[in-house]
């Protein structure tokens, strides 16, 4: 199981990678840096994938939706 420090580092790495891709995308879409259509699509896909990885790392770091909630009744009601 990943430690808190591992989750923190994974979150930071994913965030930095996503921000890098986002800045590249903004340079094309907002600043008008020329890019041929094929590379533009690849850049959009890359940003989308790194954003998804960032969101996953964020959820794991903040422990959002990664583990089922504990039952207030302990183990009772569990069937194997």
PDB file of N, CA and C in Angstrom:
ATOM      1  N   UNK A   1       0.845  -1.179   0.000  1.00  0.00           N
ATOM      2  CA  UNK A   1       0.000   0.000   0.000  1.00  0.00           C
ATOM      3  C   UNK A   1       0.890   1.241   0.000  1.00  0.00           C
ATOM      4  N   UNK A   2       0.486   2.225  -0.742  1.00  0.00           N
ATOM      5  CA  UNK A   2       1.256   3.458  -0.852  1.00  0.00           C
ATOM      6  C   UNK A   2       1.183   4.248   0.451  1.00  0.00           C
ATOM      7  N   UNK A   3       2.309   4.818   0.816  1.00  0.00           N
ATOM      8  CA  UNK A   3       2.339   5.642   2.016  1.00  0.00           C
ATOM      9  C   UNK A   3       1.829   7.035   1.687  1.00  0.00           C
ATOM     10  N   UNK A   4       1.612   7.799   2.719  1.00  0.00           N
ATOM     11  CA  UNK A   4       1.165   9.176   2.544  1.00  0.00           C
ATOM     12  C   UNK A   4       2.184   9.980   1.731  1.00  0.00           C
ATOM     13  N   UNK A   5       3.473   9.739   1.998  1.00  0.00           N
ATOM     14  CA  UNK A   5       4.516  10.441   1.238  1.00  0.00           C
ATOM     15  C   UNK A   5       4.516  10.030  -0.230  1.00  0.00           C
ATOM     16  N   UNK A   6       4.263   8.742  -0.509  1.00  0.00           N
ATOM     17  CA  UNK A   6       4.181   8.266  -1.894  1.00  0.00           C
ATOM     18  C   UNK A   6       3.019   8.926  -2.617  1.00  0.00           C
ATOM     19  N   UNK A   7       1.855   8.978  -1.956  1.00  0.00           N
ATOM     20  CA  UNK A   7       0.682   9.610  -2.567  1.00  0.00           C
ATOM     21  C   UNK A   7       0.919  11.097  -2.794  1.00  0.00           C
ATOM     22  N   UNK A   8       1.584  11.731  -1.850  1.00  0.00           N
ATOM     23  CA  UNK A   8       1.894  13.166  -1.983  1.00  0.00           C
ATOM     24  C   UNK A   8       2.805  13.398  -3.183  1.00  0.00           C
ATOM     25  N   UNK A   9       3.865  12.593  -3.304  1.00  0.00           N
ATOM     26  CA  UNK A   9       4.794  12.754  -4.415  1.00  0.00           C
ATOM     27  C   UNK A   9       4.123  12.450  -5.755  1.00  0.00           C
ATOM     28  N   UNK A  10       3.294  11.430  -5.795  1.00  0.00           N
ATOM     29  CA  UNK A  10       2.568  11.100  -7.025  1.00  0.00           C
ATOM     30  C   UNK A  10       1.650  12.252  -7.425  1.00  0.00           C
ATOM     31  N   UNK A  11       1.017  12.868  -6.431  1.00  0.00           N
ATOM     32  CA  UNK A  11       0.139  14.018  -6.689  1.00  0.00           C
ATOM     33  C   UNK A  11       0.953  15.175  -7.259  1.00  0.00           C
ATOM     34  N   UNK A  12       2.073  15.485  -6.643  1.00  0.00           N
ATOM     35  CA  UNK A  12       2.920  16.598  -7.109  1.00  0.00           C
ATOM     36  C   UNK A  12       3.423  16.331  -8.525  1.00  0.00           C
ATOM     37  N   UNK A  13       3.904  15.116  -8.778  1.00  0.00           N
ATOM     38  CA  UNK A  13       4.407  14.770 -10.115  1.00  0.00           C
ATOM     39  C   UNK A  13       3.314  14.884 -11.174  1.00  0.00           C
ATOM     40  N   UNK A  14       2.130  14.362 -10.862  1.00  0.00           N
ATOM     41  CA  UNK A  14       1.014  14.413 -11.817  1.00  0.00           C
ATOM     42  C   UNK A  14       0.582  15.855 -12.063  1.00  0.00           C
ATOM     43  N   UNK A  15       0.557  16.656 -11.014  1.00  0.00           N
ATOM     44  CA  UNK A  15       0.164  18.060 -11.158  1.00  0.00           C
ATOM     45  C   UNK A  15       1.161  18.815 -12.040  1.00  0.00           C
ATOM     46  N   UNK A  16       2.445  18.618 -11.779  1.00  0.00           N
ATOM     47  CA  UNK A  16       3.466  19.312 -12.568  1.00  0.00           C
ATOM     48  C   UNK A  16       3.421  18.902 -14.032  1.00  0.00           C
ATOM     49  N   UNK A  17       3.215  17.622 -14.301  1.00  0.00           N
ATOM     50  CA  UNK A  17       3.132  17.156 -15.689  1.00  0.00           C
ATOM     51  C   UNK A  17       1.905  17.734 -16.381  1.00  0.00           C
ATOM     52  N   UNK A  18       0.771  17.740 -15.671  1.00  0.00           N
ATOM     53  CA  UNK A  18      -0.444  18.294 -16.258  1.00  0.00           C
ATOM     54  C   UNK A  18      -0.274  19.788 -16.542  1.00  0.00           C
ATOM     55  N   UNK A  19       0.315  20.527 -15.594  1.00  0.00           N
ATOM     56  CA  UNK A  19       0.516  21.955 -15.807  1.00  0.00           C
ATOM     57  C   UNK A  19       1.429  22.216 -16.998  1.00  0.00           C
ATOM     58  N   UNK A  20       2.440  21.392 -17.182  1.00  0.00           N
ATOM     59  CA  UNK A  20       3.338  21.525 -18.330  1.00  0.00           C
ATOM     60  C   UNK A  20       2.565  21.339 -19.634  1.00  0.00           C
ATOM     61  N   UNK A  21       1.750  20.277 -19.695  1.00  0.00           N
ATOM     62  CA  UNK A  21       0.938  20.038 -20.894  1.00  0.00           C
ATOM     63  C   UNK A  21      -0.078  21.139 -21.103  1.00  0.00           C
ATOM     64  N   UNK A  22      -0.653  21.625 -20.028  1.00  0.00           N
ATOM     65  CA  UNK A  22      -1.650  22.693 -20.124  1.00  0.00           C
ATOM     66  C   UNK A  22      -1.019  23.985 -20.647  1.00  0.00           C
ATOM     67  N   UNK A  23       0.184  24.294 -20.190  1.00  0.00           N
ATOM     68  CA  UNK A  23       0.874  25.494 -20.681  1.00  0.00           C
ATOM     69  C   UNK A  23       1.176  25.379 -22.169  1.00  0.00           C
ATOM     70  N   UNK A  24       1.607  24.173 -22.596  1.00  0.00           N
ATOM     71  CA  UNK A  24       1.862  23.965 -24.031  1.00  0.00           C
ATOM     72  C   UNK A  24       0.574  24.139 -24.833  1.00  0.00           C
ATOM     73  N   UNK A  25      -0.518  23.578 -24.321  1.00  0.00           N
ATOM     74  CA  UNK A  25      -1.807  23.695 -25.007  1.00  0.00           C
ATOM     75  C   UNK A  25      -2.246  25.150 -25.082  1.00  0.00           C
ATOM     76  N   UNK A  26      -2.099  25.881 -23.982  1.00  0.00           N
ATOM     77  CA  UNK A  26      -2.484  27.299 -23.976  1.00  0.00           C
ATOM     78  C   UNK A  26      -1.631  28.115 -24.937  1.00  0.00           C
ATOM     79  N   UNK A  27      -0.359  27.756 -25.072  1.00  0.00           N
ATOM     80  CA  UNK A  27       0.491  28.507 -26.008  1.00  0.00           C
ATOM     81  C   UNK A  27      -0.022  28.369 -27.436  1.00  0.00           C
ATOM     82  N   UNK A  28      -0.639  27.240 -27.737  1.00  0.00           N
ATOM     83  CA  UNK A  28      -1.193  27.026 -29.078  1.00  0.00           C
ATOM     84  C   UNK A  28      -2.577  27.663 -29.194  1.00  0.00           C
ATOM     85  N   UNK A  29      -3.458  27.350 -28.246  1.00  0.00           N
ATOM     86  CA  UNK A  29      -4.848  27.796 -28.361  1.00  0.00           C
ATOM     87  C   UNK A  29      -5.040  29.272 -28.028  1.00  0.00           C
ATOM     88  N   UNK A  30      -4.314  29.785 -27.054  1.00  0.00           N
ATOM     89  CA  UNK A  30      -4.524  31.165 -26.608  1.00  0.00           C
ATOM     90  C   UNK A  30      -3.520  32.117 -27.241  1.00  0.00           C
ATOM     91  N   UNK A  31      -2.246  31.720 -27.241  1.00  0.00           N
ATOM     92  CA  UNK A  31      -1.204  32.607 -27.745  1.00  0.00           C
ATOM     93  C   UNK A  31      -1.002  32.498 -29.245  1.00  0.00           C
ATOM     94  N   UNK A  32      -1.614  31.501 -29.867  1.00  0.00           N
ATOM     95  CA  UNK A  32      -1.552  31.378 -31.316  1.00  0.00           C
ATOM     96  C   UNK A  32      -0.277  30.761 -31.865  1.00  0.00           C
ATOM     97  N   UNK A  33       0.474  30.034 -31.033  1.00  0.00           N
ATOM     98  CA  UNK A  33       1.669  29.352 -31.543  1.00  0.00           C
ATOM     99  C   UNK A  33       1.231  28.365 -32.619  1.00  0.00           C
ATOM    100  N   UNK A  34       1.853  28.433 -33.788  1.00  0.00           N
ATOM    101  CA  UNK A  34       1.437  27.538 -34.875  1.00  0.00           C
ATOM    102  C   UNK A  34       1.760  26.077 -34.568  1.00  0.00           C
ATOM    103  N   UNK A  35       0.822  25.211 -34.930  1.00  0.00           N
ATOM    104  CA  UNK A  35       1.009  23.775 -34.764  1.00  0.00           C
ATOM    105  C   UNK A  35       0.112  23.089 -35.778  1.00  0.00           C
ATOM    106  N   UNK A  36       0.658  22.128 -36.495  1.00  0.00           N
ATOM    107  CA  UNK A  36      -0.132  21.448 -37.519  1.00  0.00           C
ATOM    108  C   UNK A  36      -1.261  20.650 -36.843  1.00  0.00           C
ATOM    109  N   UNK A  37      -2.336  20.390 -37.577  1.00  0.00           N
ATOM    110  CA  UNK A  37      -3.516  19.740 -36.991  1.00  0.00           C
ATOM    111  C   UNK A  37      -3.230  18.403 -36.310  1.00  0.00           C
ATOM    112  N   UNK A  38      -2.360  17.568 -36.880  1.00  0.00           N
ATOM    113  CA  UNK A  38      -2.077  16.274 -36.279  1.00  0.00           C
ATOM    114  C   UNK A  38      -1.434  16.435 -34.896  1.00  0.00           C
ATOM    115  N   UNK A  39      -0.476  17.359 -34.792  1.00  0.00           N
ATOM    116  CA  UNK A  39       0.182  17.587 -33.507  1.00  0.00           C
ATOM    117  C   UNK A  39      -0.761  18.297 -32.523  1.00  0.00           C
ATOM    118  N   UNK A  40      -1.672  19.092 -33.037  1.00  0.00           N
ATOM    119  CA  UNK A  40      -2.656  19.750 -32.170  1.00  0.00           C
ATOM    120  C   UNK A  40      -3.543  18.698 -31.502  1.00  0.00           C
ATOM    121  N   UNK A  41      -3.979  17.727 -32.266  1.00  0.00           N
ATOM    122  CA  UNK A  41      -4.800  16.641 -31.707  1.00  0.00           C
ATOM    123  C   UNK A  41      -4.001  15.855 -30.681  1.00  0.00           C
ATOM    124  N   UNK A  42      -2.739  15.567 -30.993  1.00  0.00           N
ATOM    125  CA  UNK A  42      -1.888  14.834 -30.053  1.00  0.00           C
ATOM    126  C   UNK A  42      -1.701  15.632 -28.765  1.00  0.00           C
ATOM    127  N   UNK A  43      -1.556  16.936 -28.886  1.00  0.00           N
ATOM    128  CA  UNK A  43      -1.402  17.788 -27.712  1.00  0.00           C
ATOM    129  C   UNK A  43      -2.676  17.808 -26.867  1.00  0.00           C
ATOM    130  N   UNK A  44      -3.822  17.875 -27.525  1.00  0.00           N
ATOM    131  CA  UNK A  44      -5.096  17.821 -26.800  1.00  0.00           C
ATOM    132  C   UNK A  44      -5.252  16.494 -26.059  1.00  0.00           C
ATOM    133  N   UNK A  45      -4.901  15.410 -26.722  1.00  0.00           N
ATOM    134  CA  UNK A  45      -4.994  14.091 -26.074  1.00  0.00           C
ATOM    135  C   UNK A  45      -4.042  13.986 -24.893  1.00  0.00           C
ATOM    136  N   UNK A  46      -2.835  14.464 -25.082  1.00  0.00           N
ATOM    137  CA  UNK A  46      -1.844  14.413 -24.011  1.00  0.00           C
ATOM    138  C   UNK A  46      -2.324  15.190 -22.790  1.00  0.00           C
ATOM    139  N   UNK A  47      -2.843  16.389 -23.020  1.00  0.00           N
ATOM    140  CA  UNK A  47      -3.341  17.196 -21.898  1.00  0.00           C
ATOM    141  C   UNK A  47      -4.505  16.494 -21.217  1.00  0.00           C
ATOM    142  N   UNK A  48      -5.370  15.890 -21.997  1.00  0.00           N
ATOM    143  CA  UNK A  48      -6.518  15.185 -21.435  1.00  0.00           C
ATOM    144  C   UNK A  48      -6.066  14.005 -20.568  1.00  0.00           C
ATOM    145  N   UNK A  49      -5.099  13.238 -21.059  1.00  0.00           N
ATOM    146  CA  UNK A  49      -4.601  12.081 -20.309  1.00  0.00           C
ATOM    147  C   UNK A  49      -3.872  12.511 -19.037  1.00  0.00           C
ATOM    148  N   UNK A  50      -3.044  13.551 -19.147  1.00  0.00           N
ATOM    149  CA  UNK A  50      -2.328  13.977 -17.943  1.00  0.00           C
ATOM    150  C   UNK A  50      -3.292  14.589 -16.934  1.00  0.00           C
ATOM    151  N   UNK A  51      -4.359  15.225 -17.407  1.00  0.00           N
ATOM    152  CA  UNK A  51      -5.376  15.742 -16.482  1.00  0.00           C
ATOM    153  C   UNK A  51      -6.062  14.585 -15.764  1.00  0.00           C
ATOM    154  N   UNK A  52      -6.393  13.530 -16.486  1.00  0.00           N
ATOM    155  CA  UNK A  52      -7.008  12.359 -15.854  1.00  0.00           C
ATOM    156  C   UNK A  52      -6.077  11.738 -14.818  1.00  0.00           C
ATOM    157  N   UNK A  53      -4.786  11.641 -15.158  1.00  0.00           N
ATOM    158  CA  UNK A  53      -3.826  11.083 -14.192  1.00  0.00           C
ATOM    159  C   UNK A  53      -3.716  11.985 -12.964  1.00  0.00           C
ATOM    160  N   UNK A  54      -3.736  13.303 -13.186  1.00  0.00           N
ATOM    161  CA  UNK A  54      -3.704  14.245 -12.067  1.00  0.00           C
ATOM    162  C   UNK A  54      -4.930  14.056 -11.179  1.00  0.00           C
ATOM    163  N   UNK A  55      -6.108  13.958 -11.778  1.00  0.00           N
ATOM    164  CA  UNK A  55      -7.337  13.783 -10.997  1.00  0.00           C
ATOM    165  C   UNK A  55      -7.292  12.482 -10.192  1.00  0.00           C
ATOM    166  N   UNK A  56      -6.753  11.418 -10.774  1.00  0.00           N
ATOM    167  CA  UNK A  56      -6.620  10.160 -10.045  1.00  0.00           C
ATOM    168  C   UNK A  56      -5.655  10.285  -8.877  1.00  0.00           C
ATOM    169  N   UNK A  57      -4.514  10.926  -9.113  1.00  0.00           N
ATOM    170  CA  UNK A  57      -3.528  11.121  -8.042  1.00  0.00           C
ATOM    171  C   UNK A  57      -4.097  12.025  -6.954  1.00  0.00           C
ATOM    172  N   UNK A  58      -4.859  13.023  -7.362  1.00  0.00           N
ATOM    173  CA  UNK A  58      -5.495  13.932  -6.398  1.00  0.00           C
ATOM    174  C   UNK A  58      -6.490  13.178  -5.523  1.00  0.00           C
ATOM    175  N   UNK A  59      -7.298  12.339  -6.141  1.00  0.00           N
ATOM    176  CA  UNK A  59      -8.287  11.570  -5.389  1.00  0.00           C
ATOM    177  C   UNK A  59      -7.600  10.618  -4.409  1.00  0.00           C
ATOM    178  N   UNK A  60      -6.513   9.977  -4.852  1.00  0.00           N
ATOM    179  CA  UNK A  60      -5.798   9.077  -3.946  1.00  0.00           C
ATOM    180  C   UNK A  60      -5.137   9.849  -2.810  1.00  0.00           C
ATOM    181  N   UNK A  61      -4.547  11.005  -3.125  1.00  0.00           N
ATOM    182  CA  UNK A  61      -3.890  11.822  -2.111  1.00  0.00           C
ATOM    183  C   UNK A  61      -4.893  12.318  -1.068  1.00  0.00           C
ATOM    184  N   UNK A  62      -6.052  12.755  -1.544  1.00  0.00           N
ATOM    185  CA  UNK A  62      -7.078  13.266  -0.626  1.00  0.00           C
ATOM    186  C   UNK A  62      -7.993  12.166  -0.105  1.00  0.00           C
ATOM    187  N   UNK A  63      -7.747  10.937  -0.619  1.00  0.00           N
ATOM    188  CA  UNK A  63      -8.555   9.771  -0.237  1.00  0.00           C
ATOM    189  C   UNK A  63     -10.040  10.000  -0.530  1.00  0.00           C
ATOM    190  N   UNK A  64     -10.289  10.469  -1.736  1.00  0.00           N
ATOM    191  CA  UNK A  64     -11.656  10.704  -2.197  1.00  0.00           C
ATOM    192  C   UNK A  64     -12.078   9.533  -3.061  1.00  0.00           C
ATOM    193  N   UNK A  65     -13.056   8.792  -2.610  1.00  0.00           N
ATOM    194  CA  UNK A  65     -13.631   7.731  -3.412  1.00  0.00           C
ATOM    195  C   UNK A  65     -12.706   6.578  -3.721  1.00  0.00           C
ATOM    196  N   UNK A  66     -11.623   6.427  -2.985  1.00  0.00           N
ATOM    197  CA  UNK A  66     -10.698   5.347  -3.287  1.00  0.00           C
ATOM    198  C   UNK A  66     -10.929   4.124  -2.424  1.00  0.00           C
ATOM    199  N   UNK A  67     -11.601   4.297  -1.330  1.00  0.00           N
ATOM    200  CA  UNK A  67     -11.863   3.169  -0.449  1.00  0.00           C
ATOM    201  C   UNK A  67     -13.327   3.191  -0.054  1.00  0.00           C
ATOM    202  N   UNK A  68     -13.941   2.033   0.084  1.00  0.00           N
ATOM    203  CA  UNK A  68     -15.330   2.024   0.510  1.00  0.00           C
ATOM    204  C   UNK A  68     -15.449   2.578   1.929  1.00  0.00           C
ATOM    205  N   UNK A  69     -16.507   3.292   2.200  1.00  0.00           N
ATOM    206  CA  UNK A  69     -16.662   3.843   3.548  1.00  0.00           C
ATOM    207  C   UNK A  69     -16.807   2.723   4.565  1.00  0.00           C
ATOM    208  N   UNK A  70     -16.285   2.965   5.745  1.00  0.00           N
ATOM    209  CA  UNK A  70     -16.399   1.980   6.800  1.00  0.00           C
ATOM    210  C   UNK A  70     -17.822   1.967   7.331  1.00  0.00           C
ATOM    211  N   UNK A  71     -18.295   0.776   7.606  1.00  0.00           N
ATOM    212  CA  UNK A  71     -19.629   0.629   8.176  1.00  0.00           C
ATOM    213  C   UNK A  71     -19.603   1.036   9.634  1.00  0.00           C
ATOM    214  N   UNK A  72     -20.597   1.795  10.072  1.00  0.00           N
ATOM    215  CA  UNK A  72     -20.648   2.138  11.493  1.00  0.00           C
ATOM    216  C   UNK A  72     -20.940   0.918  12.356  1.00  0.00           C
ATOM    217  N   UNK A  73     -21.288  -0.209  11.718  1.00  0.00           N
ATOM    218  CA  UNK A  73     -21.630  -1.426  12.442  1.00  0.00           C
ATOM    219  C   UNK A  73     -20.489  -2.437  12.439  1.00  0.00           C
ATOM    220  N   UNK A  74     -19.285  -2.016  12.041  1.00  0.00           N
ATOM    221  CA  UNK A  74     -18.144  -2.932  12.038  1.00  0.00           C
ATOM    222  C   UNK A  74     -18.284  -3.990  10.968  1.00  0.00           C
ATOM    223  N   UNK A  75     -17.964  -5.228  11.295  1.00  0.00           N
ATOM    224  CA  UNK A  75     -18.005  -6.333  10.339  1.00  0.00           C
ATOM    225  C   UNK A  75     -19.368  -6.974  10.244  1.00  0.00           C
ATOM    226  N   UNK A  76     -20.296  -6.580  11.078  1.00  0.00           N
ATOM    227  CA  UNK A  76     -21.596  -7.224  11.053  1.00  0.00           C
ATOM    228  C   UNK A  76     -22.311  -6.920   9.742  1.00  0.00           C
ATOM    229  N   UNK A  77     -22.948  -7.906   9.212  1.00  0.00           N
ATOM    230  CA  UNK A  77     -23.656  -7.741   7.957  1.00  0.00           C
ATOM    231  C   UNK A  77     -22.841  -8.127   6.736  1.00  0.00           C
ATOM    232  N   UNK A  78     -21.533  -8.397   6.922  1.00  0.00           N
ATOM    233  CA  UNK A  78     -20.702  -8.822   5.798  1.00  0.00           C
ATOM    234  C   UNK A  78     -20.860 -10.310   5.597  1.00  0.00           C
ATOM    235  N   UNK A  79     -21.050 -10.697   4.364  1.00  0.00           N
ATOM    236  CA  UNK A  79     -21.200 -12.113   4.033  1.00  0.00           C
ATOM    237  C   UNK A  79     -20.076 -12.518   3.125  1.00  0.00           C
ATOM    238  N   UNK A  80     -19.521 -13.667   3.362  1.00  0.00           N
ATOM    239  CA  UNK A  80     -18.428 -14.156   2.512  1.00  0.00           C
ATOM    240  C   UNK A  80     -18.900 -15.268   1.634  1.00  0.00           C
TER     241      UNK A  80
END
